[in-house]
C-alpha atoms as a PDB file:
ATOM      1  CA  MET A   1       0.000   0.000   0.000  1.00  0.00           C
ATOM      2  CA  GLU A   2       1.306   3.369  -0.922  1.00  0.00           C
ATOM      3  CA  ASN A   3       1.432   6.262   1.528  1.00  0.00           C
ATOM      4  CA  LYS A   4       0.086   9.326  -0.168  1.00  0.00           C
ATOM      5  CA  ALA A   5       0.953  12.751   1.109  1.00  0.00           C
ATOM      6  CA  PRO A   6      -2.071  14.992   1.723  1.00  0.00           C
ATOM      7  CA  GLU A   7      -2.656  17.492  -0.991  1.00  0.00           C
ATOM      8  CA  THR A   8      -2.286  21.119  -0.118  1.00  0.00           C
ATOM      9  CA  ILE A   9      -4.846  23.737  -0.970  1.00  0.00           C
ATOM     10  CA  PRO A  10      -4.193  27.408  -1.513  1.00  0.00           C
ATOM     11  CA  TYR A  11      -4.682  29.750   1.448  1.00  0.00           C
ATOM     12  CA  LEU A  12      -7.286  31.854  -0.423  1.00  0.00           C
ATOM     13  CA  VAL A  13      -9.449  28.794  -1.077  1.00  0.00           C
ATOM     14  CA  HIS A  14      -9.329  27.865   2.605  1.00  0.00           C
ATOM     15  CA  GLU A  15     -10.237  31.416   3.652  1.00  0.00           C
ATOM     16  CA  GLY A  16     -13.155  31.414   1.208  1.00  0.00           C
ATOM     17  CA  ILE A  17     -14.486  28.174   2.620  1.00  0.00           C
ATOM     18  CA  MET A  18     -14.143  29.445   6.209  1.00  0.00           C
ATOM     19  CA  ALA A  19     -15.952  32.709   5.358  1.00  0.00           C
ATOM     20  CA  ARG A  20     -18.796  30.748   3.775  1.00  0.00           C
ATOM     21  CA  GLN A  21     -19.081  28.514   6.868  1.00  0.00           C
ATOM     22  CA  GLU A  22     -19.129  31.549   9.168  1.00  0.00           C
ATOM     23  CA  ARG A  23     -22.025  33.043   7.183  1.00  0.00           C
ATOM     24  CA  THR A  24     -23.881  29.729   7.320  1.00  0.00           C
ATOM     25  CA  ILE A  25     -23.368  29.414  11.089  1.00  0.00           C
ATOM     26  CA  LYS A  26     -24.608  32.979  11.617  1.00  0.00           C
ATOM     27  CA  ARG A  27     -27.741  32.230   9.587  1.00  0.00           C
ATOM     28  CA  LEU A  28     -28.359  29.055  11.586  1.00  0.00           C
ATOM     29  CA  TRP A  29     -28.088  30.998  14.880  1.00  0.00           C
ATOM     30  CA  ILE A  30     -30.608  33.541  13.595  1.00  0.00           C
ATOM     31  CA  LEU A  31     -32.894  30.672  12.584  1.00  0.00           C
ATOM     32  CA  CYS A  32     -32.589  29.115  16.068  1.00  0.00           C
ATOM     33  CA  ILE A  33     -33.497  32.424  17.701  1.00  0.00           C
ATOM     34  CA  VAL A  34     -36.508  32.895  15.399  1.00  0.00           C
ATOM     35  CA  ILE A  35     -37.718  29.341  16.095  1.00  0.00           C
ATOM     36  CA  PHE A  36     -37.364  29.870  19.864  1.00  0.00           C
ATOM     37  CA  ILE A  37     -39.320  33.150  19.712  1.00  0.00           C
ATOM     38  CA  ALA A  38     -42.038  31.439  17.650  1.00  0.00           C
ATOM     39  CA  PHE A  39     -42.194  28.591  20.188  1.00  0.00           C
ATOM     40  CA  VAL A  40     -42.575  30.974  23.129  1.00  0.00           C
ATOM     41  CA  GLY A  41     -45.109  33.075  21.208  1.00  0.00           C
ATOM     42  CA  SER A  42     -47.246  30.079  20.294  1.00  0.00           C
ATOM     43  CA  ASN A  43     -47.269  28.859  23.909  1.00  0.00           C
ATOM     44  CA  LEU A  44     -48.277  32.320  25.147  1.00  0.00           C
ATOM     45  CA  GLY A  45     -51.010  32.400  22.504  1.00  0.00           C
ATOM     46  CA  TRP A  46     -52.423  29.069  23.649  1.00  0.00           C
ATOM     47  CA  MET A  47     -52.308  30.131  27.284  1.00  0.00           C
ATOM     48  CA  TYR A  48     -54.221  33.315  26.431  1.00  0.00           C
ATOM     49  CA  TYR A  49     -56.752  31.342  24.376  1.00  0.00           C
ATOM     50  CA  GLU A  50     -57.332  28.769  27.117  1.00  0.00           C
ATOM     51  CA  SER A  51     -57.666  31.430  29.827  1.00  0.00           C
ATOM     52  CA  GLN A  52     -60.690  32.936  28.056  1.00  0.00           C
ATOM     53  CA  PHE A  53     -62.888  30.020  29.071  1.00  0.00           C
ATOM     54  CA  THR A  54     -64.081  29.224  32.559  1.00  0.00           C
ATOM     55  CA  GLU A  55     -65.456  25.875  33.586  1.00  0.00           C
ATOM     56  CA  GLU A  56     -68.402  26.069  35.902  1.00  0.00           C
ATOM     57  CA  VAL A  57     -69.787  22.887  37.389  1.00  0.00           C
ATOM     58  CA  THR A  58     -73.166  23.150  39.011  1.00  0.00           C
ATOM     59  CA  THR A  59     -74.630  20.166  40.824  1.00  0.00           C
ATOM     60  CA  THR A  60     -78.135  20.097  42.224  1.00  0.00           C
ATOM     61  CA  TYR A  61     -79.262  17.366  44.564  1.00  0.00           C
ATOM     62  CA  THR A  62     -82.820  16.690  45.650  1.00  0.00           C
ATOM     63  CA  SER A  63     -83.410  14.275  48.433  1.00  0.00           C
ATOM     64  CA  ASP A  64     -86.089  13.351  50.894  1.00  0.00           C
ATOM     65  CA  ALA A  65     -85.463  12.043  54.382  1.00  0.00           C
ATOM     66  CA  THR A  66     -87.951   9.560  55.774  1.00  0.00           C
ATOM     67  CA  ASP A  67     -87.742  10.799  59.368  1.00  0.00           C
ATOM     68  CA  GLY A  68     -88.018  14.529  58.583  1.00  0.00           C
ATOM     69  CA  GLY A  69     -84.259  15.252  58.806  1.00  0.00           C
ATOM     70  CA  ASN A  70     -81.877  16.805  56.291  1.00  0.00           C
ATOM     71  CA  ALA A  71     -80.566  14.260  53.800  1.00  0.00           C
ATOM     72  CA  VAL A  72     -77.088  14.830  52.381  1.00  0.00           C
ATOM     73  CA  ILE A  73     -75.818  12.899  49.393  1.00  0.00           C
ATOM     74  CA  ASN A  74     -72.086  12.179  49.623  1.00  0.00           C
ATOM     75  CA  GLY A  75     -69.713  11.988  46.668  1.00  0.00           C
ATOM     76  CA  ASP A  76     -69.730   8.206  46.874  1.00  0.00           C
ATOM     77  CA  GLY A  77     -73.517   8.000  46.390  1.00  0.00           C
ATOM     78  CA  SER A  78     -74.502   7.179  49.948  1.00  0.00           C
ATOM     79  CA  VAL A  79     -77.087   9.284  51.814  1.00  0.00           C
ATOM     80  CA  ASN A  80     -76.416  10.653  55.296  1.00  0.00           C
ATOM     81  CA  ILE A  81     -79.318  11.954  57.368  1.00  0.00           C
ATOM     82  CA  ASN A  82     -78.319  14.863  59.605  1.00  0.00           C
ATOM     83  CA  GLY A  83     -80.723  16.202  62.243  1.00  0.00           C
ATOM     84  CA  GLU A  84     -84.286  17.249  61.699  1.00  0.00           C
ATOM     85  CA  SER A  85     -85.789  19.518  59.068  1.00  0.00           C
ATOM     86  CA  ASP A  86     -86.785  23.093  59.841  1.00  0.00           C
END
């Protein structure tokens, strides 16, 4: 196997390539910043949109106690009778 010496390139060609890469990196940083601002803006927009609505839950219970007391329906569906009615 032959050992080949690396080829040399002119200094001006190397500088041209480096300048082009620097411009590309700068454009990519600007793109990253724009994407981050769009991400934050979209999240703020959704938070504003969701905050416009309120959820109101109204529950009405009707019950009748057999001994004239106050009947209270618990969250588990059982009925507690507390005291006497007014």
